[in-house]
Amino acid sequence: MTSFPVSTHDGPYSSNTIVSRSFLIVYGINIWISFYILIIESLLFFNLTKHTLTLLILTFPIQVFIGYFVLVFSALFTAKLLLILLNLIHPPKEGIFKRTREDRDFYFWSFRSVIKKWPIWIISLLPSSVLNNLTLTIFGIKTSFSNSINNANMDTEFIEFGKNITLGKGSFIKSSMVFGEYLIIKRIIIKDNVVIGPASYVSPGTIIQQNTVLNTLSMTQFNQILEKCSIYSGYPAKKQCKKKDLTTYADKFTNLNLSYSNLESSKRLDFLTEPSKPTGKFIKKIPTYVGLFLLLYFFAYMPVLIALYFYTTKIFFPLVIAKPIASSLFLSNFSMLVLIFTPPIILILHLSNIFLTVLITKICYYVICKINTPKEGVFHWKDKSADYDFYFLRSFLLRYVKWKIQRGPYPWLIKSVFNFIGGCHFGKDCVIEDMYLAKEFINVGENVYLGKILLTNQLWDKELTVKGVKIEDGAVVSDGCCIGPGTYIKKNTTVLPFSITSKNEVLDSNSVYYDATVKKIKTEKELIKILNFKPI
């Protein structure tokens, strides 16, 4: 399909669902307080070291390290206080809720997610199981520092971890799940010495008893109980054997002759037997790409750096840093005013940099599209036509702005940014989680939920296939899915976790699909068998 979606984050997870834009005020307050505490700490450091330049230089790396953790703990502390206040107004609940603003449980679930977003983003800059466990503990999840949970995607409420738990790369521990027009929240309990394999999915309500293994690419059902000292695998997960019978279980595979040399020559794959040769598939116009990036980078950062220089030299330095001693800082009302409003000024400058990056990208993209109109089609790498060349040029241009938004602290901007630049359209109330997102030929309707997935408009095999993806109103694409080029998902359709669509797949409206490649669940009985969930 394409490369693994490296743009996604692992670790504690907070949904990008935002029911009300007013939530962003609280989000901004958390950033404000966090940076204010960081600035105070930095000023104390400067006052202690400013008289000795050598000491200042030698201790600066230590200050960067300390400053990061000051920012982390201030963000966590502020978020915790906000969550306590919010939970007094409306306590978190388990249940099945409508995905509408009018449903108070869904509304406050979204509010809690926004509050958690900033500290989770901060700790993702320095991936650490210790930080992840600490964050979960602060957010009210029972866990242990003996757990290795750094590489999994996990919710931040209604989960109980035991001790010595290992979560595999790309696994999902989801106490909340979007299914159609509903949000399902149910507590997950994972007891001691459990191992969850890579790319597995633990559904809401799952209870995993101690010393149990859930194998790779497996998915538990809603409210499923996995027995202790057992091995489970499959979609849905089924008990394979007790751990004590593991040797007998493994012998089943030992007796199978899977040697490639025993295959008939007519059935061998030619590309495995032919010598590897350089194909030269990709465009190598490094000077053009570097020049385009430098143009974008320079004009996006230079005005912001100039504004920051004048603010620092004309206002912050003379009124705050140049004070003879730290204590005098708190005796001047004007200095305190400057100090208090420095974090929002930094925030405004950062947003200005994003705005300039998007604006310049828009201008460049418009010019490139005028030179060569974007086209879908099949392009052979040996015939590097203008359409082929310009596809990669546009892709390179959009890559930086996409990375800047999705990896930044304001992931909600991605819809507005792509709609503004062009090439994609995302409808009202569409939710885009942290995911690999194609940059062109994507048409998404209203109230669509896109989980942590791979959504691509291109496919490399013998040729380059570029084909748009259309997703209609009310559709849900769950975590771990791969949506291939040309896919058409009709209204109110749900795609279950770890499902894969092939090229030009059409998914019927008001349906549920699962598996790789996707299969339609035709009856309520089949849905209950796979997910242990009855349509509401």
Protein backbone atom coordinates (compact mmCIF):
# COMPACT_ATOMS: atom_id res chain seq x y z
CA MET A 1 0.00 0.00 0.00
CA THR A 2 2.37 2.70 1.28
CA SER A 3 4.84 2.95 4.09
CA PHE A 4 3.69 2.42 7.68
CA PRO A 5 2.04 5.61 8.97
CA VAL A 6 5.08 6.94 10.83
CA SER A 7 3.35 10.28 11.32
CA THR A 8 1.18 8.81 14.06
CA HIS A 9 1.90 8.96 17.78
CA ASP A 10 1.92 6.06 20.21
CA GLY A 11 1.28 6.30 23.94
CA PRO A 12 -1.60 7.86 25.90
CA TYR A 13 -4.33 8.94 23.55
CA SER A 14 -6.82 11.79 23.56
CA SER A 15 -9.46 12.09 20.86
CA ASN A 16 -9.48 15.06 18.46
CA THR A 17 -13.27 15.14 18.73
CA ILE A 18 -14.25 18.70 19.61
CA VAL A 19 -17.94 19.29 20.17
CA SER A 20 -17.60 23.03 20.88
CA ARG A 21 -14.91 25.51 19.83
CA SER A 22 -15.32 27.15 23.23
CA PHE A 23 -13.29 24.21 24.61
CA LEU A 24 -10.24 25.79 22.98
CA ILE A 25 -10.41 28.64 25.50
CA VAL A 26 -9.72 26.15 28.29
CA TYR A 27 -7.04 24.53 26.11
CA GLY A 28 -5.37 27.92 25.70
CA ILE A 29 -5.52 28.59 29.45
CA ASN A 30 -3.62 25.34 30.10
CA ILE A 31 -0.90 26.37 27.63
CA TRP A 32 -0.78 29.87 29.16
CA ILE A 33 -0.30 28.64 32.74
CA SER A 34 2.24 26.00 31.69
CA PHE A 35 4.44 28.48 29.86
CA TYR A 36 4.08 31.08 32.59
CA ILE A 37 5.52 28.64 35.15
CA LEU A 38 8.28 27.72 32.70
CA ILE A 39 9.21 31.39 32.19
CA ILE A 40 9.35 31.98 35.96
CA GLU A 41 11.67 28.97 36.36
CA SER A 42 13.85 30.18 33.47
CA LEU A 43 14.16 33.64 35.01
CA LEU A 44 15.28 32.16 38.32
CA PHE A 45 17.92 30.13 36.46
CA PHE A 46 19.11 33.23 34.58
CA ASN A 47 19.39 35.29 37.74
CA LEU A 48 21.47 32.56 39.38
CA THR A 49 23.91 32.24 36.48
CA LYS A 50 23.95 35.60 34.67
CA HIS A 51 27.00 36.90 36.56
CA THR A 52 29.20 34.07 35.27
CA LEU A 53 29.02 33.50 31.53
CA THR A 54 30.93 30.22 31.74
CA LEU A 55 28.50 28.85 34.34
CA LEU A 56 25.54 29.98 32.20
CA ILE A 57 26.87 28.14 29.13
CA LEU A 58 27.83 24.97 31.02
CA THR A 59 24.51 24.66 32.84
CA PHE A 60 22.27 25.63 29.91
CA PRO A 61 21.76 22.00 28.69
CA ILE A 62 20.71 21.08 32.24
CA GLN A 63 18.27 23.99 32.21
CA VAL A 64 16.73 22.77 28.94
CA PHE A 65 16.19 19.34 30.52
CA ILE A 66 14.75 20.83 33.73
CA GLY A 67 12.63 23.30 31.75
CA TYR A 68 11.03 20.48 29.76
CA PHE A 69 9.93 18.67 32.92
CA VAL A 70 8.72 21.94 34.45
CA LEU A 71 6.52 22.34 31.36
CA VAL A 72 5.34 18.71 31.58
CA PHE A 73 4.39 18.83 35.26
CA SER A 74 2.79 22.27 35.05
CA ALA A 75 0.68 21.08 32.09
CA LEU A 76 -0.30 17.88 33.93
CA PHE A 77 -1.08 19.75 37.15
CA THR A 78 -3.25 22.34 35.39
CA ALA A 79 -5.07 19.66 33.38
CA LYS A 80 -5.72 17.67 36.55
CA LEU A 81 -7.27 20.69 38.29
CA LEU A 82 -9.44 21.42 35.25
CA LEU A 83 -10.57 17.77 35.10
CA ILE A 84 -11.49 17.80 38.80
CA LEU A 85 -13.65 20.88 38.26
CA LEU A 86 -15.21 19.43 35.11
CA ASN A 87 -15.97 16.09 36.78
CA LEU A 88 -17.76 17.90 39.61
CA ILE A 89 -20.09 19.36 37.00
CA HIS A 90 -20.61 16.09 35.11
CA PRO A 91 -18.87 12.87 36.30
CA PRO A 92 -17.54 10.49 33.61
CA LYS A 93 -19.86 7.57 32.91
CA GLU A 94 -19.76 4.24 31.15
CA GLY A 95 -22.47 3.50 28.62
CA ILE A 96 -23.60 3.97 25.03
CA PHE A 97 -24.17 7.59 24.02
CA LYS A 98 -25.31 9.41 20.89
CA ARG A 99 -22.60 11.34 19.02
CA THR A 100 -24.45 14.63 19.23
CA ARG A 101 -23.80 17.87 21.04
CA GLU A 102 -27.07 17.45 22.91
CA ASP A 103 -25.87 14.27 24.63
CA ARG A 104 -24.16 15.56 27.78
CA ASP A 105 -22.02 12.44 28.24
CA PHE A 106 -20.63 12.75 24.73
CA TYR A 107 -20.23 16.51 25.20
CA PHE A 108 -18.19 16.16 28.39
CA TRP A 109 -16.18 13.21 26.99
CA SER A 110 -15.05 15.55 24.23
CA PHE A 111 -14.34 18.31 26.77
CA ARG A 112 -12.17 15.96 28.84
CA SER A 113 -10.28 14.94 25.71
CA VAL A 114 -9.46 18.56 24.85
CA ILE A 115 -8.18 19.24 28.38
CA LYS A 116 -5.85 16.22 28.19
CA LYS A 117 -4.53 17.05 24.73
CA TRP A 118 -1.84 19.58 25.74
CA PRO A 119 -0.02 17.52 28.41
CA ILE A 120 -0.24 14.40 26.23
CA TRP A 121 1.31 16.32 23.34
CA ILE A 122 4.12 17.57 25.61
CA ILE A 123 5.05 14.11 26.91
CA SER A 124 5.00 12.69 23.36
CA LEU A 125 8.06 14.85 22.60
CA LEU A 126 10.11 12.59 24.88
CA PRO A 127 8.64 9.07 24.63
CA SER A 128 9.03 7.32 27.96
CA SER A 129 7.13 4.54 29.73
CA VAL A 130 7.76 6.31 33.02
CA LEU A 131 6.16 9.52 31.76
CA ASN A 132 3.30 7.60 30.15
CA ASN A 133 2.57 5.69 33.37
CA LEU A 134 2.79 8.90 35.38
CA THR A 135 0.40 10.68 33.01
CA LEU A 136 -2.12 7.84 33.20
CA THR A 137 -1.88 7.80 37.00
CA ILE A 138 -2.54 11.55 37.19
CA PHE A 139 -5.53 11.13 34.89
CA GLY A 140 -6.97 8.51 37.26
CA ILE A 141 -5.95 5.25 35.58
CA LYS A 142 -4.65 2.47 37.81
CA THR A 143 -1.25 1.41 36.47
CA SER A 144 2.26 0.44 37.54
CA PHE A 145 5.70 1.73 36.62
CA SER A 146 6.66 -1.88 35.87
CA ASN A 147 4.43 -1.77 32.78
CA SER A 148 5.90 -1.34 29.30
CA ILE A 149 3.20 0.70 27.57
CA ASN A 150 5.20 3.16 25.52
CA ASN A 151 4.38 1.73 22.09
CA ALA A 152 0.61 1.31 22.41
CA ASN A 153 -2.29 3.66 21.74
CA MET A 154 -4.43 3.81 24.84
CA ASP A 155 -7.34 5.80 26.17
CA THR A 156 -6.83 7.87 29.31
CA GLU A 157 -9.87 6.87 31.36
CA PHE A 158 -11.78 3.74 32.43
CA ILE A 159 -8.72 1.45 32.23
CA GLU A 160 -7.13 -0.61 35.01
CA PHE A 161 -3.66 -2.06 34.48
CA GLY A 162 -2.01 -4.63 36.70
CA LYS A 163 1.76 -5.12 36.96
CA ASN A 164 4.40 -6.28 34.46
CA ILE A 165 2.19 -5.65 31.42
CA THR A 166 3.71 -5.42 27.93
CA LEU A 167 1.81 -3.69 25.14
CA GLY A 168 3.07 -4.31 21.61
CA LYS A 169 3.83 -1.69 18.96
CA GLY A 170 0.71 -0.25 17.37
CA SER A 171 -1.73 -2.03 19.69
CA PHE A 172 -4.91 -0.26 20.81
CA ILE A 173 -6.34 -0.28 24.34
CA LYS A 174 -9.69 1.44 23.81
CA SER A 175 -12.17 1.96 26.60
CA SER A 176 -14.08 4.20 24.19
CA MET A 177 -15.04 3.39 20.62
CA VAL A 178 -17.10 5.13 17.96
CA PHE A 179 -19.60 2.83 16.26
CA GLY A 180 -21.92 4.44 13.76
CA GLU A 181 -23.74 7.31 15.43
CA TYR A 182 -22.82 6.12 18.92
CA LEU A 183 -19.95 6.43 21.37
CA ILE A 184 -19.37 3.32 23.49
CA ILE A 185 -17.49 3.70 26.81
CA LYS A 186 -16.79 0.65 28.99
CA ARG A 187 -14.03 -0.07 31.51
CA ILE A 188 -11.10 -2.30 30.49
CA ILE A 189 -9.28 -4.41 33.08
CA ILE A 190 -5.88 -5.93 32.25
CA LYS A 191 -4.37 -7.92 35.11
CA ASP A 192 -0.77 -8.85 35.99
CA ASN A 193 1.76 -10.30 33.54
CA VAL A 194 -0.37 -9.84 30.42
CA VAL A 195 1.23 -9.49 26.97
CA ILE A 196 -0.64 -7.74 24.14
CA GLY A 197 0.87 -8.43 20.71
CA PRO A 198 1.65 -5.71 18.14
CA ALA A 199 -1.24 -4.34 16.08
CA SER A 200 -3.92 -5.82 18.32
CA TYR A 201 -7.15 -4.21 19.50
CA VAL A 202 -8.64 -4.45 22.99
CA SER A 203 -12.29 -3.41 22.79
CA PRO A 204 -14.31 -1.61 25.47
CA GLY A 205 -15.40 -3.82 28.36
CA THR A 206 -12.63 -6.40 27.88
CA ILE A 207 -11.24 -8.15 30.96
CA ILE A 208 -7.90 -9.95 30.51
CA GLN A 209 -6.97 -12.23 33.39
CA GLN A 210 -3.39 -12.60 34.64
CA ASN A 211 -0.61 -14.35 32.65
CA THR A 212 -2.57 -14.23 29.39
CA VAL A 213 -1.29 -13.45 25.88
CA LEU A 214 -3.28 -11.73 23.11
CA ASN A 215 -1.49 -12.46 19.86
CA THR A 216 -0.61 -10.06 17.04
CA LEU A 217 -3.42 -8.80 14.79
CA SER A 218 -6.12 -9.96 17.17
CA MET A 219 -9.22 -8.13 18.34
CA THR A 220 -11.28 -8.77 21.45
CA GLN A 221 -15.06 -8.49 21.48
CA PHE A 222 -17.02 -6.05 23.60
CA ASN A 223 -17.16 -7.26 27.22
CA GLN A 224 -15.04 -10.32 26.40
CA ILE A 225 -13.30 -12.10 29.29
CA LEU A 226 -9.95 -13.71 28.46
CA GLU A 227 -9.15 -16.55 30.84
CA LYS A 228 -5.95 -16.58 32.87
CA CYS A 229 -2.78 -18.37 31.72
CA SER A 230 -4.13 -18.67 28.15
CA ILE A 231 -3.24 -17.64 24.63
CA TYR A 232 -5.82 -15.88 22.45
CA SER A 233 -5.65 -14.89 18.81
CA GLY A 234 -7.91 -14.11 15.89
CA TYR A 235 -10.58 -11.66 14.77
CA PRO A 236 -12.46 -12.00 17.06
CA ALA A 237 -9.98 -13.35 19.61
CA LYS A 238 -10.48 -17.00 20.47
CA LYS A 239 -8.72 -19.15 23.00
CA GLN A 240 -6.02 -21.26 21.35
CA CYS A 241 -4.60 -23.10 24.34
CA LYS A 242 -3.44 -22.86 27.92
CA LYS A 243 0.11 -21.63 28.37
CA LYS A 244 1.10 -25.03 29.76
CA ASP A 245 0.04 -26.59 26.43
CA LEU A 246 2.09 -24.15 24.37
CA THR A 247 4.56 -26.82 23.18
CA THR A 248 1.76 -28.93 21.69
CA TYR A 249 0.25 -25.82 20.12
CA ALA A 250 3.59 -24.91 18.51
CA ASP A 251 4.09 -28.46 17.17
CA LYS A 252 1.13 -27.95 14.85
CA PHE A 253 3.19 -25.41 12.94
CA THR A 254 6.47 -27.32 13.22
CA ASN A 255 5.01 -30.24 11.24
CA LEU A 256 3.98 -27.99 8.38
CA ASN A 257 6.46 -27.82 5.49
CA LEU A 258 6.44 -24.15 4.62
CA SER A 259 9.82 -24.10 2.90
CA TYR A 260 9.84 -21.87 -0.17
CA SER A 261 12.09 -24.36 -1.99
CA ASN A 262 9.27 -26.93 -1.94
CA LEU A 263 6.89 -24.78 -3.94
CA GLU A 264 6.38 -25.62 -7.56
CA SER A 265 8.46 -23.39 -9.78
CA SER A 266 5.34 -22.24 -11.62
CA LYS A 267 3.93 -20.92 -8.35
CA ARG A 268 6.98 -18.95 -7.26
CA LEU A 269 6.81 -15.22 -7.37
CA ASP A 270 8.99 -13.89 -10.15
CA PHE A 271 9.98 -10.80 -8.27
CA LEU A 272 11.49 -13.01 -5.54
CA THR A 273 13.59 -15.08 -7.97
CA GLU A 274 14.78 -12.27 -10.22
CA PRO A 275 17.92 -10.38 -9.18
CA SER A 276 17.24 -7.07 -7.51
CA LYS A 277 17.79 -4.12 -9.83
CA PRO A 278 17.49 -0.42 -9.16
CA THR A 279 14.22 0.76 -10.63
CA GLY A 280 14.57 4.51 -10.44
CA LYS A 281 10.87 4.83 -9.70
CA PHE A 282 11.03 8.04 -7.74
CA ILE A 283 11.74 11.54 -8.86
CA LYS A 284 15.16 12.86 -7.94
CA LYS A 285 14.89 16.61 -8.36
CA ILE A 286 16.59 17.49 -5.13
CA PRO A 287 17.48 21.13 -6.03
CA THR A 288 13.84 21.90 -6.88
CA TYR A 289 12.55 20.36 -3.66
CA VAL A 290 15.20 21.99 -1.49
CA GLY A 291 14.59 25.38 -3.11
CA LEU A 292 10.84 25.08 -2.58
CA PHE A 293 11.32 24.09 1.06
CA LEU A 294 13.75 26.95 1.75
CA LEU A 295 11.35 29.44 0.16
CA LEU A 296 8.51 28.20 2.35
CA TYR A 297 10.65 28.00 5.48
CA PHE A 298 12.23 31.46 5.06
CA PHE A 299 9.06 33.46 4.41
CA ALA A 300 7.11 31.60 7.11
CA TYR A 301 9.71 32.10 9.84
CA MET A 302 11.41 35.40 9.05
CA PRO A 303 8.50 37.78 9.93
CA VAL A 304 7.87 35.82 13.14
CA LEU A 305 11.55 35.90 14.15
CA ILE A 306 11.72 39.64 13.48
CA ALA A 307 8.62 40.22 15.65
CA LEU A 308 10.07 38.00 18.39
CA TYR A 309 13.39 39.88 18.25
CA PHE A 310 11.71 43.28 18.72
CA TYR A 311 9.50 42.00 21.53
CA THR A 312 12.49 40.47 23.33
CA THR A 313 14.88 43.41 22.92
CA LYS A 314 12.43 46.30 23.28
CA ILE A 315 10.01 44.96 25.91
CA PHE A 316 10.91 41.67 27.60
CA PHE A 317 14.64 42.25 28.15
CA PRO A 318 14.53 45.81 29.56
CA LEU A 319 11.40 45.27 31.68
CA VAL A 320 12.02 41.71 32.93
CA ILE A 321 15.49 40.28 32.31
CA ALA A 322 17.42 43.53 32.97
CA LYS A 323 16.05 43.81 36.49
CA PRO A 324 18.95 43.78 38.98
CA ILE A 325 17.52 40.99 41.15
CA ALA A 326 14.69 38.53 40.77
CA SER A 327 12.70 39.95 43.66
CA SER A 328 12.39 43.36 41.99
CA LEU A 329 10.49 41.70 39.20
CA PHE A 330 7.53 41.16 41.49
CA LEU A 331 7.57 44.76 42.76
CA SER A 332 6.84 46.26 39.34
CA ASN A 333 3.26 45.99 38.20
CA PHE A 334 4.23 46.71 34.58
CA SER A 335 6.92 44.03 34.62
CA MET A 336 4.44 41.54 35.98
CA LEU A 337 2.01 42.50 33.22
CA VAL A 338 4.69 41.85 30.59
CA LEU A 339 5.52 38.52 32.22
CA ILE A 340 1.88 37.43 32.38
CA PHE A 341 1.20 38.24 28.73
CA THR A 342 4.40 36.75 27.35
CA PRO A 343 2.94 33.20 26.97
CA PRO A 344 -0.04 34.34 24.84
CA ILE A 345 2.31 36.48 22.75
CA ILE A 346 4.47 33.41 22.10
CA LEU A 347 1.30 31.49 21.25
CA ILE A 348 0.20 34.21 18.81
CA LEU A 349 3.63 34.19 17.14
CA HIS A 350 3.49 30.40 16.79
CA LEU A 351 0.03 30.59 15.24
CA SER A 352 1.29 33.36 12.94
CA ASN A 353 4.05 31.05 11.75
CA ILE A 354 1.46 28.36 11.00
CA PHE A 355 -0.74 30.89 9.17
CA LEU A 356 2.18 32.10 7.03
CA THR A 357 3.22 28.51 6.27
CA VAL A 358 -0.31 27.68 5.13
CA LEU A 359 -0.69 30.91 3.12
CA ILE A 360 2.61 30.48 1.26
CA THR A 361 1.81 26.81 0.63
CA LYS A 362 -1.57 27.86 -0.76
CA ILE A 363 0.06 30.35 -3.17
CA CYS A 364 2.69 27.85 -4.33
CA TYR A 365 0.10 25.09 -4.70
CA TYR A 366 -2.16 27.39 -6.73
CA VAL A 367 0.69 28.29 -9.10
CA ILE A 368 1.77 24.67 -9.54
CA CYS A 369 -1.82 23.58 -10.23
CA LYS A 370 -2.13 26.32 -12.88
CA ILE A 371 0.98 24.98 -14.59
CA ASN A 372 -0.24 21.37 -14.40
CA THR A 373 -3.79 20.50 -13.33
CA PRO A 374 -3.86 17.66 -10.74
CA LYS A 375 -5.07 14.42 -12.33
CA GLU A 376 -6.01 10.98 -11.17
CA GLY A 377 -4.72 8.08 -13.18
CA VAL A 378 -2.20 5.29 -13.57
CA PHE A 379 1.38 6.37 -14.24
CA HIS A 380 4.19 4.01 -15.14
CA TRP A 381 7.50 4.94 -13.55
CA LYS A 382 9.38 4.38 -16.84
CA ASP A 383 7.33 7.10 -18.51
CA LYS A 384 7.90 10.08 -16.27
CA SER A 385 5.25 12.35 -17.74
CA ALA A 386 4.51 15.89 -16.59
CA ASP A 387 1.53 14.60 -14.57
CA TYR A 388 3.83 12.11 -12.83
CA ASP A 389 6.47 14.74 -12.06
CA PHE A 390 4.01 17.32 -10.78
CA TYR A 391 2.21 14.79 -8.58
CA PHE A 392 5.42 14.33 -6.58
CA LEU A 393 6.11 18.06 -6.58
CA ARG A 394 2.69 18.82 -5.09
CA SER A 395 3.07 15.97 -2.63
CA PHE A 396 6.41 17.33 -1.44
CA LEU A 397 4.97 20.83 -1.04
CA LEU A 398 1.99 19.65 1.02
CA ARG A 399 4.01 17.23 3.14
CA TYR A 400 5.59 19.92 5.33
CA VAL A 401 2.38 21.78 6.17
CA LYS A 402 0.59 18.49 6.90
CA TRP A 403 3.40 17.41 9.22
CA LYS A 404 3.44 20.81 10.94
CA ILE A 405 -0.26 20.63 11.77
CA GLN A 406 -0.66 16.95 12.58
CA ARG A 407 2.48 16.80 14.73
CA GLY A 408 1.71 20.12 16.38
CA PRO A 409 -0.43 21.02 19.39
CA TYR A 410 -3.40 22.16 17.26
CA PRO A 411 -4.48 19.04 15.31
CA TRP A 412 -8.01 20.45 14.85
CA LEU A 413 -6.64 22.86 12.24
CA ILE A 414 -5.94 20.12 9.69
CA LYS A 415 -9.47 20.23 8.22
CA SER A 416 -9.49 24.01 7.76
CA VAL A 417 -5.94 23.98 6.40
CA PHE A 418 -6.61 21.34 3.75
CA ASN A 419 -9.94 22.90 2.79
CA PHE A 420 -8.17 26.26 2.39
CA ILE A 421 -5.22 24.98 0.37
CA GLY A 422 -7.41 22.84 -1.90
CA GLY A 423 -7.11 19.33 -3.25
CA CYS A 424 -9.18 17.89 -0.37
CA HIS A 425 -12.53 18.59 1.23
CA PHE A 426 -13.64 17.77 4.77
CA GLY A 427 -17.21 18.41 5.85
CA LYS A 428 -18.66 19.90 9.02
CA ASP A 429 -18.14 17.98 12.28
CA CYS A 430 -15.67 15.61 10.63
CA VAL A 431 -13.15 14.18 13.13
CA ILE A 432 -9.61 13.37 11.98
CA GLU A 433 -7.53 11.55 14.56
CA ASP A 434 -3.74 11.29 14.47
CA MET A 435 -3.33 9.37 11.20
CA TYR A 436 -1.55 9.01 7.89
CA LEU A 437 -3.61 11.31 5.69
CA ALA A 438 -3.40 11.59 1.91
CA LYS A 439 -2.88 15.15 0.74
CA GLU A 440 -5.04 15.27 -2.41
CA PHE A 441 -8.19 13.80 -3.98
CA ILE A 442 -9.90 13.19 -0.65
CA ASN A 443 -13.60 14.06 -0.28
CA VAL A 444 -15.03 13.50 3.21
CA GLY A 445 -18.62 14.33 4.16
CA GLU A 446 -20.15 15.63 7.37
CA ASN A 447 -20.03 13.98 10.80
CA VAL A 448 -17.46 11.44 9.60
CA TYR A 449 -15.11 9.84 12.14
CA LEU A 450 -11.64 8.82 10.92
CA GLY A 451 -9.63 6.98 13.58
CA LYS A 452 -5.90 6.36 13.69
CA ILE A 453 -5.77 4.91 10.19
CA LEU A 454 -3.91 4.88 6.90
CA LEU A 455 -5.88 6.84 4.31
CA THR A 456 -4.08 6.92 0.98
CA ASN A 457 -4.81 8.02 -2.57
CA GLN A 458 -1.82 6.25 -4.12
CA LEU A 459 -0.62 2.68 -4.53
CA TRP A 460 2.72 1.43 -5.81
CA ASP A 461 2.79 -1.96 -7.49
CA LYS A 462 3.92 -2.26 -11.09
CA GLU A 463 2.71 1.29 -11.64
CA LEU A 464 1.70 4.31 -9.62
CA THR A 465 -2.07 4.42 -9.16
CA VAL A 466 -3.47 7.79 -8.06
CA LYS A 467 -7.17 7.69 -7.30
CA GLY A 468 -9.33 9.75 -4.97
CA VAL A 469 -11.15 8.50 -1.89
CA LYS A 470 -14.76 9.48 -1.16
CA ILE A 471 -16.34 9.04 2.27
CA GLU A 472 -19.96 10.13 2.67
CA ASP A 473 -21.81 11.60 5.66
CA GLY A 474 -21.94 9.70 8.94
CA ALA A 475 -19.31 7.09 8.05
CA VAL A 476 -16.94 5.71 10.70
CA VAL A 477 -13.50 4.28 9.91
CA SER A 478 -12.09 2.68 13.06
CA ASP A 479 -8.50 2.55 14.30
CA GLY A 480 -5.89 0.52 12.44
CA CYS A 481 -7.71 0.48 9.11
CA CYS A 482 -6.11 0.98 5.70
CA ILE A 483 -8.25 2.74 3.10
CA GLY A 484 -6.86 2.27 -0.41
CA PRO A 485 -7.08 4.55 -3.46
CA GLY A 486 -10.42 4.73 -5.21
CA THR A 487 -12.39 3.57 -2.14
CA TYR A 488 -15.96 4.85 -1.95
CA ILE A 489 -17.58 4.55 1.50
CA LYS A 490 -21.26 5.42 1.40
CA LYS A 491 -23.41 7.05 4.08
CA ASN A 492 -23.57 5.81 7.67
CA THR A 493 -21.22 2.88 7.09
CA THR A 494 -18.87 1.64 9.84
CA VAL A 495 -15.53 -0.04 9.10
CA LEU A 496 -14.30 -2.06 12.08
CA PRO A 497 -10.69 -1.92 13.36
CA PHE A 498 -7.81 -3.35 11.28
CA SER A 499 -9.83 -3.63 8.09
CA ILE A 500 -8.30 -3.03 4.66
CA THR A 501 -10.00 -1.92 1.46
CA SER A 502 -8.56 -2.78 -1.94
CA LYS A 503 -8.39 -0.41 -4.89
CA ASN A 504 -11.73 1.02 -6.07
CA GLU A 505 -13.70 -0.74 -3.33
CA VAL A 506 -17.33 0.39 -2.90
CA LEU A 507 -18.85 0.00 0.57
CA ASP A 508 -22.64 0.06 0.75
CA SER A 509 -24.50 2.59 2.87
CA ASN A 510 -25.83 1.76 6.36
CA SER A 511 -23.55 -1.28 6.60
CA VAL A 512 -20.75 -2.69 8.75
CA TYR A 513 -17.51 -4.03 7.25
CA TYR A 514 -14.52 -5.86 8.72
CA ASP A 515 -11.40 -7.91 7.87
CA ALA A 516 -8.66 -7.65 5.22
CA THR A 517 -9.80 -7.24 2.55
CA VAL A 518 -13.11 -5.96 3.83
CA LYS A 519 -16.20 -8.14 4.04
CA LYS A 520 -19.72 -6.95 4.65
CA ILE A 521 -21.47 -8.13 7.81
CA LYS A 522 -24.82 -9.20 6.44
CA THR A 523 -26.85 -10.10 9.52
CA GLU A 524 -27.26 -9.01 13.12
CA LYS A 525 -26.27 -12.53 14.21
CA GLU A 526 -22.96 -12.22 12.34
CA LEU A 527 -22.24 -8.84 13.96
CA ILE A 528 -22.87 -10.31 17.41
CA LYS A 529 -20.56 -13.22 16.61
CA ILE A 530 -17.72 -10.93 15.54
CA LEU A 531 -18.09 -8.03 17.97
CA ASN A 532 -20.57 -9.20 20.61
CA PHE A 533 -22.49 -6.03 19.84
CA LYS A 534 -26.15 -5.70 18.90
CA PRO A 535 -27.19 -2.71 16.75
CA ILE A 536 -29.16 -0.16 18.69
